[in-house]
Amino acid sequence: MIMKRRMFLQAGAASLGGLTFLARAHAGEPMGQTLYNGIRLPATWPPRIDKLTQEPMAVPYLQAPPAVIPIDVGRQLFVDDFLIAETTLRRTYHLATYHPATPVLRPDSEWERTGDSPCAMVFSDGVWYDAADSRFKMWYMGGILRSTCYATSRDGIKWEKPKLDVQKGTNVVHAGFRDSNTVWLDHDEKDPKRRYKMFRSIRHQRGWALQVHFSPDGIHWSDAIVTSGPCGDRTTVFYNPFRRVWVYSLRSLPQVRTRQYREHADVIAGANWKVGEPPLWVGADRLDPPRTDLKTTCQLYNLDCVAYESILLGLFDIWRGQPNDRAKPNELVVGYSRDGFHWHRPDRRAFCPVSERHGDWNWGNVQSAGGCCLVVGDKLYFYISGRAGIQGKPTSGVCTTGLATLRRDGFASMDAGDQAGTLTTRPIRFRGRHLFVNVDNPKGELRAEVLDDQGRVIKPFTRENCVPVAADRTLQAVRWRDVADLAAVRDRPVKLRFTITSGKLYAFWVSPETSGASQGYVAAGGPGFKGAIDTVGSSNQK
């Protein structure tokens, strides 16, 4: 059965300040910036939400996508219907799996031991790949609320704790009280002394605030440059490179676990908000299932984000209720955004779950790392804090850092069985010349064809002329016989129609290079990449 995607406003859309996004546009409200993917923002940005309810967030660009979608930035993922006009394929969402080496970092140093909860865990903090010296780098909480420590790795699995000069003989890089923390490797920074940025949650006056620090190497940090406006303790920060703004993901005040939103192009000026100024953003909703052993309403404990390929990836830390016998059993759930504010969360299962077996590293709690994930060959690496808990006590127990993995682009796939299925995109436009897919169909077949905006096949880009693909590769070229590339259909509205049997299609993109470089964002980086963007393609494939 063909699933038709229609481009009108769905009933029951959530209200943004009394009128829906689309109603405002149709009422003649001025529109603002047009994004890389054709989405046009309203002139009033960010949106003002009067009240967060238990209803899922409406996503305007899914209700009315652009007439033509530019796809020059990044791999195009099938996490939603944004790109799909019609299909007979079945979408499947996939979960991460914990690496056998987990936990990969344990509290085995004297300064990491604090009472009954020794700690070496990312509490956001950050895990990045630094191409400047070809190292994985991790910042983490050393000892509960005690300090920020630093570790390095060549492969992302075996980690070393170097002895540094900040606190001689230790790997401590910032001492003193801290709660939540974010460390960001800023590829766009022009000043080498500000290449790394730290946002440290501290007690301030009668509540909490962030202090911002800079560093050239991630080891030697400046004094606090600025102290932010008031916020909750679990406040984090990320950079949105699609719009070149820093986003403060604020735990709402007072003690309701939801998020407020603050963006600014200047990281220092962005910290200077006042009480009530940052608008409401997002929270848990009625689709987030509570624990079966508790009668409670879920809450959003934290939201870490990063640009991945052509989307903004969000790791939602969902608090599902508080048992009496262990620390908060938070779990990570994935969300996706194409405008940086509105979130589509189609799968509410735990992407990275807690364990229900006492004694496991993650029986008590799991939370995400700043930077969210890294691209390592054909996989994504997610570093996750885990609290083992202490049975009968709502305390953390031993706190470690684990590793979860997922196929590259593997959040969602469009699947076909023995019978051929098709997927036709909405009208798209590209400046590249070479079509690539992420596909798993070694026993099947995939072909592609190019259609004009009226749905007519454009020769020679026919299904019959397409060289069939049967492969399990995260980067696979799609070609047509007797034609070098897609130059003949560049810079004009076209549709792509894929036909596939016995396999899964994860993503497609049109690259300017035969290497398949996507020109999209690679989250917290990875081996072979030169910075925040994939400019290397197949030269990075192992």
Protein backbone atom coordinates (compact mmCIF):
# COMPACT_ATOMS: atom_id res chain seq x y z
CA MET A 1 0.00 0.00 0.00
CA ILE A 2 1.46 3.38 -1.00
CA MET A 3 1.80 5.82 1.88
CA LYS A 4 0.84 9.27 0.56
CA ARG A 5 2.51 12.30 2.14
CA ARG A 6 0.30 15.37 1.84
CA MET A 7 1.45 18.94 2.24
CA PHE A 8 -1.34 20.51 4.29
CA LEU A 9 -1.63 21.36 7.96
CA GLN A 10 -2.60 18.41 10.11
CA ALA A 11 -5.45 18.82 12.58
CA GLY A 12 -4.60 19.33 16.20
CA ALA A 13 -1.30 21.18 15.68
CA ALA A 14 0.16 22.61 18.87
CA SER A 15 -0.20 26.33 19.42
CA LEU A 16 2.79 28.66 19.31
CA GLY A 17 1.66 31.78 21.12
CA GLY A 18 -1.98 31.44 20.07
CA LEU A 19 -1.51 30.80 16.33
CA THR A 20 0.20 27.90 14.62
CA PHE A 21 3.31 28.56 12.57
CA LEU A 22 1.40 27.99 9.34
CA ALA A 23 -1.60 30.04 10.38
CA ARG A 24 0.71 32.95 11.05
CA ALA A 25 2.28 32.59 7.62
CA HIS A 26 -1.09 32.43 5.89
CA ALA A 27 -2.25 35.42 7.93
CA GLY A 28 0.51 37.46 6.31
CA GLU A 29 3.05 37.54 9.12
CA PRO A 30 6.51 38.36 7.66
CA MET A 31 8.79 35.39 7.17
CA GLY A 32 12.47 35.32 8.03
CA GLN A 33 15.59 33.37 7.18
CA THR A 34 15.54 30.59 4.59
CA LEU A 35 17.64 27.65 5.75
CA TYR A 36 20.03 25.40 3.84
CA ASN A 37 17.23 22.84 3.33
CA GLY A 38 14.62 25.28 2.02
CA ILE A 39 12.77 25.68 5.32
CA ARG A 40 11.75 29.29 5.86
CA LEU A 41 11.63 30.51 9.44
CA PRO A 42 9.10 33.04 10.71
CA ALA A 43 10.35 36.56 11.28
CA THR A 44 9.77 36.13 15.02
CA TRP A 45 12.43 33.65 16.07
CA PRO A 46 12.68 31.68 18.24
CA PRO A 47 8.94 30.96 18.50
CA ARG A 48 7.20 31.94 21.72
CA ILE A 49 5.39 29.05 23.35
CA ASP A 50 2.82 30.10 25.93
CA LYS A 51 2.76 26.83 27.82
CA LEU A 52 4.27 23.37 27.49
CA THR A 53 1.61 20.69 27.58
CA GLN A 54 1.60 16.92 27.41
CA GLU A 55 0.88 17.07 23.68
CA PRO A 56 3.76 16.22 21.30
CA MET A 57 5.40 19.21 19.66
CA ALA A 58 4.00 20.13 16.24
CA VAL A 59 6.67 20.26 13.53
CA PRO A 60 5.74 22.93 10.93
CA TYR A 61 8.18 21.86 8.21
CA LEU A 62 6.69 18.34 8.18
CA GLN A 63 3.19 19.75 7.88
CA ALA A 64 4.20 21.97 4.92
CA PRO A 65 7.61 21.14 3.45
CA PRO A 66 9.30 23.48 0.96
CA ALA A 67 8.11 23.15 -2.65
CA VAL A 68 11.69 22.25 -3.62
CA ILE A 69 14.20 20.93 -1.09
CA PRO A 70 17.91 21.77 -1.60
CA ILE A 71 20.07 18.76 -0.64
CA ASP A 72 23.60 20.12 -0.98
CA VAL A 73 24.34 19.81 2.75
CA GLY A 74 24.91 16.30 4.02
CA ARG A 75 23.49 12.85 3.74
CA GLN A 76 19.71 12.85 3.50
CA LEU A 77 18.23 10.65 6.25
CA PHE A 78 14.81 9.01 6.36
CA VAL A 79 14.09 9.80 10.01
CA ASP A 80 10.85 11.54 8.98
CA ASP A 81 8.74 12.22 5.86
CA PHE A 82 10.41 15.51 4.98
CA LEU A 83 12.00 14.10 1.80
CA ILE A 84 9.38 11.49 0.89
CA ALA A 85 6.51 12.09 -1.54
CA GLU A 86 5.33 8.49 -1.58
CA THR A 87 6.65 5.04 -0.79
CA THR A 88 5.70 1.40 -0.46
CA LEU A 89 8.69 0.74 1.84
CA ARG A 90 8.37 0.19 5.57
CA ARG A 91 10.31 2.45 7.93
CA THR A 92 12.18 0.85 10.84
CA TYR A 93 13.84 2.80 13.66
CA HIS A 94 16.99 1.29 15.11
CA LEU A 95 18.54 1.41 18.58
CA ALA A 96 22.17 1.62 19.63
CA THR A 97 23.93 -1.38 21.19
CA TYR A 98 26.45 -1.26 24.01
CA HIS A 99 30.01 -2.13 23.05
CA PRO A 100 31.45 -5.26 24.72
CA ALA A 101 34.26 -3.17 26.23
CA THR A 102 31.77 -1.06 28.20
CA PRO A 103 32.44 0.62 30.54
CA VAL A 104 35.46 2.07 28.76
CA LEU A 105 36.38 4.48 31.57
CA ARG A 106 36.32 3.67 35.30
CA PRO A 107 37.16 5.65 38.46
CA ASP A 108 40.51 4.06 39.27
CA SER A 109 42.43 7.15 40.45
CA GLU A 110 42.52 8.52 43.98
CA TRP A 111 41.05 11.89 42.99
CA GLU A 112 38.08 10.15 41.33
CA ARG A 113 36.99 8.42 44.53
CA THR A 114 34.35 10.19 46.60
CA GLY A 115 32.59 8.21 49.34
CA ASP A 116 30.27 5.50 48.07
CA SER A 117 30.07 7.02 44.57
CA PRO A 118 33.50 7.00 42.89
CA CYS A 119 33.11 8.80 39.57
CA ALA A 120 34.67 8.87 36.09
CA MET A 121 31.66 9.72 33.93
CA VAL A 122 30.64 12.14 31.22
CA PHE A 123 27.90 14.35 32.65
CA SER A 124 27.48 15.92 29.24
CA ASP A 125 31.10 17.22 29.36
CA GLY A 126 32.38 16.20 25.91
CA VAL A 127 33.98 13.53 23.75
CA TRP A 128 35.59 14.76 20.52
CA TYR A 129 38.03 13.63 17.87
CA ASP A 130 40.71 16.27 17.38
CA ALA A 131 42.18 16.05 13.88
CA ALA A 132 45.00 18.41 14.91
CA ASP A 133 46.74 15.59 16.79
CA SER A 134 44.70 12.55 15.69
CA ARG A 135 43.28 11.74 19.12
CA PHE A 136 39.97 10.98 20.71
CA LYS A 137 39.60 13.32 23.69
CA MET A 138 37.23 13.03 26.63
CA TRP A 139 36.35 15.47 29.39
CA TYR A 140 34.53 13.95 32.33
CA MET A 141 33.50 14.40 35.94
CA GLY A 142 36.27 13.12 38.21
CA GLY A 143 34.77 12.44 41.64
CA ILE A 144 31.14 13.43 42.25
CA LEU A 145 30.90 17.23 41.69
CA ARG A 146 34.62 17.48 42.38
CA SER A 147 36.54 18.29 39.17
CA THR A 148 36.78 18.01 35.40
CA CYS A 149 39.31 15.46 34.13
CA TYR A 150 40.77 14.64 30.73
CA ALA A 151 41.50 11.37 28.91
CA THR A 152 42.75 10.48 25.43
CA SER A 153 42.52 7.49 23.12
CA ARG A 154 43.81 6.33 19.75
CA ASP A 155 40.86 4.06 18.96
CA GLY A 156 38.02 5.38 21.13
CA ILE A 157 37.92 2.19 23.19
CA LYS A 158 41.13 2.09 25.22
CA TRP A 159 41.56 5.32 27.17
CA GLU A 160 44.56 6.83 28.92
CA LYS A 161 44.60 9.35 31.75
CA PRO A 162 47.71 11.49 31.17
CA LYS A 163 49.57 13.11 34.04
CA LEU A 164 49.30 16.83 33.50
CA ASP A 165 50.60 20.03 35.07
CA VAL A 166 47.28 21.65 36.09
CA GLN A 167 47.20 19.57 39.27
CA LYS A 168 50.60 17.97 39.07
CA GLY A 169 50.56 14.20 38.66
CA THR A 170 46.84 14.01 37.84
CA ASN A 171 44.63 14.35 34.77
CA VAL A 172 42.54 17.09 36.39
CA VAL A 173 42.18 20.07 34.04
CA HIS A 174 39.71 22.13 36.10
CA ALA A 175 39.38 21.79 39.85
CA GLY A 176 36.59 22.95 42.10
CA PHE A 177 32.88 22.37 42.39
CA ARG A 178 30.94 21.65 39.26
CA ASP A 179 27.64 20.07 38.34
CA SER A 180 26.67 19.60 34.71
CA ASN A 181 29.35 20.64 32.23
CA THR A 182 29.77 21.01 28.46
CA VAL A 183 33.07 21.10 26.54
CA TRP A 184 32.89 22.07 22.85
CA LEU A 185 35.59 21.86 20.18
CA ASP A 186 34.81 24.95 18.13
CA HIS A 187 35.93 24.43 14.51
CA ASP A 188 34.69 27.89 13.49
CA GLU A 189 36.69 29.79 16.11
CA LYS A 190 39.33 32.16 14.66
CA ASP A 191 41.17 32.80 17.92
CA PRO A 192 43.34 29.76 18.77
CA LYS A 193 43.11 30.61 22.49
CA ARG A 194 39.34 30.04 22.33
CA ARG A 195 39.38 26.80 20.32
CA TYR A 196 37.86 24.84 23.19
CA LYS A 197 34.95 26.20 25.19
CA MET A 198 33.72 25.00 28.58
CA PHE A 199 30.32 25.79 30.06
CA ARG A 200 30.42 24.87 33.76
CA SER A 201 27.32 24.69 35.94
CA ILE A 202 27.90 26.28 39.35
CA ARG A 203 25.89 27.41 42.35
CA HIS A 204 25.35 31.13 42.03
CA GLN A 205 23.57 33.47 44.41
CA ARG A 206 20.38 31.57 45.31
CA GLY A 207 20.36 29.25 42.32
CA TRP A 208 22.51 28.10 39.42
CA ALA A 209 24.37 29.65 36.51
CA LEU A 210 26.94 28.74 33.85
CA GLN A 211 30.50 30.02 33.77
CA VAL A 212 32.22 30.13 30.38
CA HIS A 213 35.91 29.28 30.02
CA PHE A 214 38.23 29.14 26.99
CA SER A 215 41.25 26.96 26.22
CA PRO A 216 43.72 26.51 23.33
CA ASP A 217 44.30 22.81 24.07
CA GLY A 218 41.47 21.60 26.28
CA ILE A 219 43.88 21.28 29.20
CA HIS A 220 44.77 24.80 30.30
CA TRP A 221 41.61 26.80 30.89
CA SER A 222 41.05 30.52 31.38
CA ASP A 223 39.35 31.98 34.41
CA ALA A 224 35.62 32.44 33.94
CA ILE A 225 34.99 34.89 31.09
CA VAL A 226 31.36 35.44 31.97
CA THR A 227 28.73 34.15 34.37
CA SER A 228 25.37 33.51 32.74
CA GLY A 229 21.89 34.48 33.75
CA PRO A 230 19.96 32.16 36.09
CA CYS A 231 19.17 28.60 35.02
CA GLY A 232 18.71 25.12 36.42
CA ASP A 233 21.65 22.91 37.33
CA ARG A 234 21.46 20.55 34.32
CA THR A 235 21.93 23.28 31.71
CA THR A 236 24.03 22.48 28.64
CA VAL A 237 25.18 24.19 25.44
CA PHE A 238 25.68 23.28 21.78
CA TYR A 239 26.61 25.02 18.55
CA ASN A 240 24.17 25.01 15.63
CA PRO A 241 26.40 25.44 12.54
CA PHE A 242 23.45 25.49 10.14
CA ARG A 243 22.56 28.93 11.51
CA ARG A 244 25.88 29.76 13.22
CA VAL A 245 24.40 30.29 16.65
CA TRP A 246 25.23 29.03 20.13
CA VAL A 247 22.23 27.47 21.82
CA TYR A 248 21.87 27.33 25.58
CA SER A 249 19.68 24.34 26.47
CA LEU A 250 18.41 25.59 29.83
CA ARG A 251 16.85 23.50 32.51
CA SER A 252 13.68 25.45 33.23
CA LEU A 253 13.07 27.40 36.41
CA PRO A 254 11.70 26.65 38.91
CA GLN A 255 12.25 22.91 39.43
CA VAL A 256 10.20 21.56 36.51
CA ARG A 257 12.24 19.32 34.25
CA THR A 258 11.61 20.98 30.88
CA ARG A 259 13.85 23.09 28.62
CA GLN A 260 14.07 26.76 27.79
CA TYR A 261 15.86 28.04 24.70
CA ARG A 262 18.45 30.75 24.25
CA GLU A 263 20.41 31.38 21.03
CA HIS A 264 23.01 33.94 20.05
CA ALA A 265 25.77 34.24 17.44
CA ASP A 266 28.15 35.51 20.14
CA VAL A 267 28.86 32.93 22.81
CA ILE A 268 29.55 35.56 25.49
CA ALA A 269 26.64 37.88 24.71
CA GLY A 270 24.41 34.83 24.56
CA ALA A 271 25.08 34.09 28.23
CA ASN A 272 23.61 37.41 29.36
CA TRP A 273 19.95 36.53 29.71
CA LYS A 274 17.55 37.68 32.41
CA VAL A 275 14.91 35.81 34.36
CA GLY A 276 11.96 34.98 32.11
CA GLU A 277 13.73 36.02 28.91
CA PRO A 278 14.56 32.59 27.37
CA PRO A 279 11.33 31.15 25.91
CA LEU A 280 9.93 27.73 26.71
CA TRP A 281 11.21 25.07 24.35
CA VAL A 282 10.41 21.41 24.87
CA GLY A 283 9.65 18.76 27.49
CA ALA A 284 8.54 15.17 27.79
CA ASP A 285 4.98 14.46 26.67
CA ARG A 286 2.22 11.88 26.80
CA LEU A 287 3.98 9.64 24.28
CA ASP A 288 6.95 9.12 26.63
CA PRO A 289 6.12 5.91 28.52
CA PRO A 290 6.78 5.89 32.29
CA ARG A 291 8.27 2.88 33.99
CA THR A 292 5.82 0.03 34.39
CA ASP A 293 6.58 -0.17 38.11
CA LEU A 294 5.72 3.49 38.73
CA LYS A 295 2.67 5.64 38.23
CA THR A 296 4.24 8.93 37.24
CA THR A 297 4.62 11.44 34.42
CA CYS A 298 7.91 11.53 32.52
CA GLN A 299 10.09 14.63 32.52
CA LEU A 300 12.94 15.88 30.34
CA TYR A 301 16.12 15.85 32.41
CA ASN A 302 18.53 17.10 29.73
CA LEU A 303 18.86 17.71 25.99
CA ASP A 304 22.25 17.47 24.27
CA CYS A 305 22.40 18.23 20.54
CA VAL A 306 24.81 18.21 17.61
CA ALA A 307 24.73 18.73 13.85
CA TYR A 308 24.87 15.37 12.10
CA GLU A 309 24.94 15.38 8.29
CA SER A 310 21.80 17.37 7.25
CA ILE A 311 19.91 17.35 10.57
CA LEU A 312 20.25 18.39 14.17
CA LEU A 313 20.43 15.29 16.35
CA GLY A 314 19.02 15.49 19.87
CA LEU A 315 19.65 13.10 22.76
CA PHE A 316 16.69 13.49 25.11
CA ASP A 317 17.44 12.29 28.63
CA ILE A 318 14.01 11.14 29.81
CA TRP A 319 13.36 10.75 33.53
CA ARG A 320 10.70 8.06 33.85
CA GLY A 321 10.11 8.33 37.60
CA GLN A 322 12.01 7.79 40.82
CA PRO A 323 12.12 4.33 42.44
CA ASN A 324 13.14 4.21 46.09
CA ASP A 325 15.94 1.72 45.56
CA ARG A 326 18.31 3.48 43.12
CA ALA A 327 19.45 6.69 41.44
CA LYS A 328 17.29 8.37 38.79
CA PRO A 329 16.78 5.72 36.05
CA ASN A 330 17.03 8.19 33.15
CA GLU A 331 17.22 6.81 29.61
CA LEU A 332 18.30 8.37 26.30
CA VAL A 333 15.75 8.82 23.51
CA VAL A 334 16.55 10.27 20.09
CA GLY A 335 14.94 13.28 18.42
CA TYR A 336 15.53 15.04 15.09
CA SER A 337 15.22 18.67 14.01
CA ARG A 338 15.63 20.35 10.64
CA ASP A 339 15.10 23.93 11.84
CA GLY A 340 16.93 23.75 15.19
CA PHE A 341 13.89 24.34 17.39
CA HIS A 342 11.06 21.94 16.54
CA TRP A 343 11.62 18.27 17.36
CA HIS A 344 10.30 15.13 15.71
CA ARG A 345 10.50 12.17 18.11
CA PRO A 346 8.91 9.23 16.32
CA ASP A 347 10.46 6.45 18.43
CA ARG A 348 10.06 6.76 22.21
CA ARG A 349 11.94 3.57 23.06
CA ALA A 350 15.20 3.94 24.94
CA PHE A 351 17.96 4.43 22.37
CA CYS A 352 20.45 3.84 25.20
CA PRO A 353 18.64 2.19 28.14
CA VAL A 354 19.28 1.51 31.79
CA SER A 355 19.65 -2.10 32.87
CA GLU A 356 17.06 -3.76 35.08
CA ARG A 357 19.70 -6.06 36.57
CA HIS A 358 21.27 -4.84 39.80
CA GLY A 359 25.05 -4.78 39.63
CA ASP A 360 25.27 -3.63 36.02
CA TRP A 361 27.19 -0.44 35.25
CA ASN A 362 23.97 1.27 34.08
CA TRP A 363 21.41 -0.03 36.57
CA GLY A 364 20.98 3.43 38.08
CA ASN A 365 21.13 5.99 35.29
CA VAL A 366 22.45 6.82 31.80
CA GLN A 367 23.14 10.24 30.26
CA SER A 368 24.72 11.62 27.11
CA ALA A 369 28.05 13.26 26.31
CA GLY A 370 28.47 16.74 24.86
CA GLY A 371 29.01 16.36 21.10
CA CYS A 372 26.58 13.39 21.21
CA CYS A 373 28.43 11.02 18.85
CA LEU A 374 31.48 10.48 16.67
CA VAL A 375 31.79 8.96 13.18
CA VAL A 376 34.25 6.06 13.33
CA GLY A 377 34.45 4.25 10.00
CA ASP A 378 31.06 2.68 9.35
CA LYS A 379 29.78 3.26 12.88
CA LEU A 380 28.64 6.04 15.17
CA TYR A 381 30.13 6.04 18.69
CA PHE A 382 27.97 7.33 21.55
CA TYR A 383 29.67 7.80 24.92
CA ILE A 384 27.25 7.37 27.79
CA SER A 385 27.56 7.93 31.52
CA GLY A 386 26.33 5.09 33.68
CA ARG A 387 25.55 5.00 37.40
CA ALA A 388 25.50 1.56 38.99
CA GLY A 389 23.41 2.74 41.93
CA ILE A 390 23.33 1.26 45.42
CA GLN A 391 20.45 -1.03 46.16
CA GLY A 392 18.03 0.50 48.64
CA LYS A 393 19.43 4.01 48.26
CA PRO A 394 18.60 6.76 45.72
CA THR A 395 22.34 7.43 45.25
CA SER A 396 24.68 7.10 42.28
CA GLY A 397 27.01 4.28 43.29
CA VAL A 398 29.99 3.70 40.98
CA CYS A 399 29.85 6.12 38.02
CA THR A 400 31.53 5.10 34.77
CA THR A 401 31.52 5.91 31.05
CA GLY A 402 30.18 3.42 28.52
CA LEU A 403 30.16 3.20 24.74
CA ALA A 404 27.18 2.47 22.48
CA THR A 405 27.39 2.06 18.70
CA LEU A 406 25.09 2.35 15.70
CA ARG A 407 25.54 1.94 11.96
CA ARG A 408 26.46 5.24 10.33
CA ASP A 409 23.17 7.00 9.41
CA GLY A 410 21.49 4.04 11.08
CA PHE A 411 18.72 5.80 13.00
CA ALA A 412 16.05 4.76 10.49
CA SER A 413 15.87 2.60 7.39
CA MET A 414 13.31 2.20 4.61
CA ASP A 415 12.88 -1.56 4.16
CA ALA A 416 11.80 -3.87 1.34
CA GLY A 417 11.13 -7.60 1.31
CA ASP A 418 11.27 -10.05 -1.57
CA GLN A 419 8.86 -7.96 -3.58
CA ALA A 420 10.23 -4.74 -5.04
CA GLY A 421 9.29 -1.56 -3.21
CA THR A 422 9.72 2.06 -4.24
CA LEU A 423 10.42 5.41 -2.65
CA THR A 424 9.93 8.67 -4.53
CA THR A 425 11.34 11.88 -3.12
CA ARG A 426 9.70 15.27 -3.11
CA PRO A 427 11.14 17.75 -5.64
CA ILE A 428 14.79 18.32 -4.78
CA ARG A 429 17.59 20.44 -6.15
CA PHE A 430 21.34 19.82 -6.03
CA ARG A 431 24.61 21.18 -7.35
CA GLY A 432 26.49 17.89 -6.99
CA ARG A 433 27.07 15.35 -9.73
CA HIS A 434 27.35 11.91 -8.11
CA LEU A 435 24.58 9.93 -6.40
CA PHE A 436 25.40 7.82 -3.33
CA VAL A 437 23.38 5.68 -0.96
CA ASN A 438 23.83 3.99 2.41
CA VAL A 439 22.29 0.58 1.74
CA ASP A 440 22.17 -2.94 3.14
CA ASN A 441 20.91 -5.31 0.42
CA PRO A 442 23.67 -7.83 -0.48
CA LYS A 443 21.02 -10.37 -1.53
CA GLY A 444 18.75 -7.88 -3.22
CA GLU A 445 18.88 -5.07 -5.75
CA LEU A 446 18.61 -1.29 -5.71
CA ARG A 447 18.11 0.93 -8.74
CA ALA A 448 17.41 4.63 -9.08
CA GLU A 449 15.80 6.87 -11.69
CA VAL A 450 15.46 10.62 -12.08
CA LEU A 451 12.06 12.23 -12.70
CA ASP A 452 11.15 15.75 -13.70
CA ASP A 453 8.84 17.84 -11.53
CA GLN A 454 5.85 16.33 -13.36
CA GLY A 455 6.93 12.79 -12.55
CA ARG A 456 8.23 11.89 -16.03
CA VAL A 457 11.42 9.82 -16.24
CA ILE A 458 14.38 11.78 -17.60
CA LYS A 459 16.57 9.78 -20.00
CA PRO A 460 19.20 8.34 -19.68
CA PHE A 461 18.54 8.25 -15.90
CA THR A 462 16.03 5.42 -16.14
CA ARG A 463 15.61 2.43 -13.85
CA GLU A 464 16.49 0.07 -16.69
CA ASN A 465 19.71 1.98 -17.42
CA CYS A 466 20.79 2.10 -13.77
CA VAL A 467 23.59 -0.27 -12.77
CA PRO A 468 21.98 -2.47 -10.08
CA VAL A 469 23.40 -2.23 -6.57
CA ALA A 470 23.67 -5.25 -4.27
CA ALA A 471 25.85 -4.32 -1.29
CA ASP A 472 26.09 -3.67 2.42
CA ARG A 473 27.93 -0.35 2.46
CA THR A 474 27.47 2.96 4.21
CA LEU A 475 28.86 4.70 1.09
CA GLN A 476 27.85 3.20 -2.24
CA ALA A 477 27.84 4.95 -5.62
CA VAL A 478 24.79 4.67 -7.90
CA ARG A 479 25.55 4.99 -11.62
CA TRP A 480 23.84 4.80 -14.99
CA ARG A 481 25.29 3.17 -18.10
CA ASP A 482 26.91 5.40 -20.72
CA VAL A 483 26.64 8.57 -18.61
CA ALA A 484 29.39 10.01 -16.42
CA ASP A 485 27.31 11.83 -13.81
CA LEU A 486 24.18 13.85 -13.02
CA ALA A 487 25.44 17.10 -14.58
CA ALA A 488 22.50 17.19 -17.01
CA VAL A 489 19.97 17.55 -14.17
CA ARG A 490 21.92 19.80 -11.80
CA ASP A 491 20.29 22.99 -10.48
CA ARG A 492 16.77 22.03 -11.57
CA PRO A 493 13.84 20.55 -9.63
CA VAL A 494 13.84 16.78 -9.99
CA LYS A 495 12.67 13.76 -8.04
CA LEU A 496 14.55 10.56 -7.32
CA ARG A 497 12.76 7.23 -7.32
CA PHE A 498 14.47 4.27 -5.71
CA THR A 499 13.40 0.69 -6.31
CA ILE A 500 14.76 -1.87 -3.86
CA THR A 501 14.30 -5.54 -3.01
CA SER A 502 15.45 -7.53 0.03
CA GLY A 503 17.19 -4.71 1.79
CA LYS A 504 17.34 -1.48 3.76
CA LEU A 505 17.94 2.04 2.47
CA TYR A 506 19.31 4.39 5.15
CA ALA A 507 20.28 7.56 3.29
CA PHE A 508 21.06 9.12 -0.09
CA TRP A 509 23.00 12.18 -1.17
CA VAL A 510 24.45 13.85 -4.26
CA SER A 511 28.12 14.72 -3.88
CA PRO A 512 30.26 17.12 -5.90
CA GLU A 513 33.08 14.55 -5.60
CA THR A 514 33.54 10.98 -6.84
CA SER A 515 34.73 10.22 -3.30
CA GLY A 516 31.18 10.68 -2.02
CA ALA A 517 32.07 13.47 0.40
CA SER A 518 28.69 14.56 1.74
CA GLN A 519 29.58 18.14 2.74
CA GLY A 520 27.50 17.43 5.84
CA TYR A 521 28.38 17.62 9.51
CA VAL A 522 30.09 14.75 11.30
CA ALA A 523 28.94 15.51 14.86
CA ALA A 524 31.99 15.34 17.19
CA GLY A 525 34.28 14.24 14.36
CA GLY A 526 36.17 11.04 13.81
CA PRO A 527 39.32 9.51 12.31
CA GLY A 528 40.02 10.71 8.77
CA PHE A 529 37.90 13.85 8.92
CA LYS A 530 39.66 17.20 8.77
CA GLY A 531 37.11 19.12 10.80
CA ALA A 532 33.37 19.40 11.36
CA ILE A 533 32.37 18.60 7.75
CA ASP A 534 32.76 15.47 5.62
CA THR A 535 35.04 16.65 2.82
CA VAL A 536 36.74 13.27 2.31
CA GLY A 537 34.06 10.67 1.58
CA SER A 538 35.40 7.27 0.57
CA SER A 539 38.96 8.23 1.53
CA ASN A 540 37.70 7.91 5.11
CA GLN A 541 36.24 4.42 4.63
CA LYS A 542 38.15 1.52 6.15
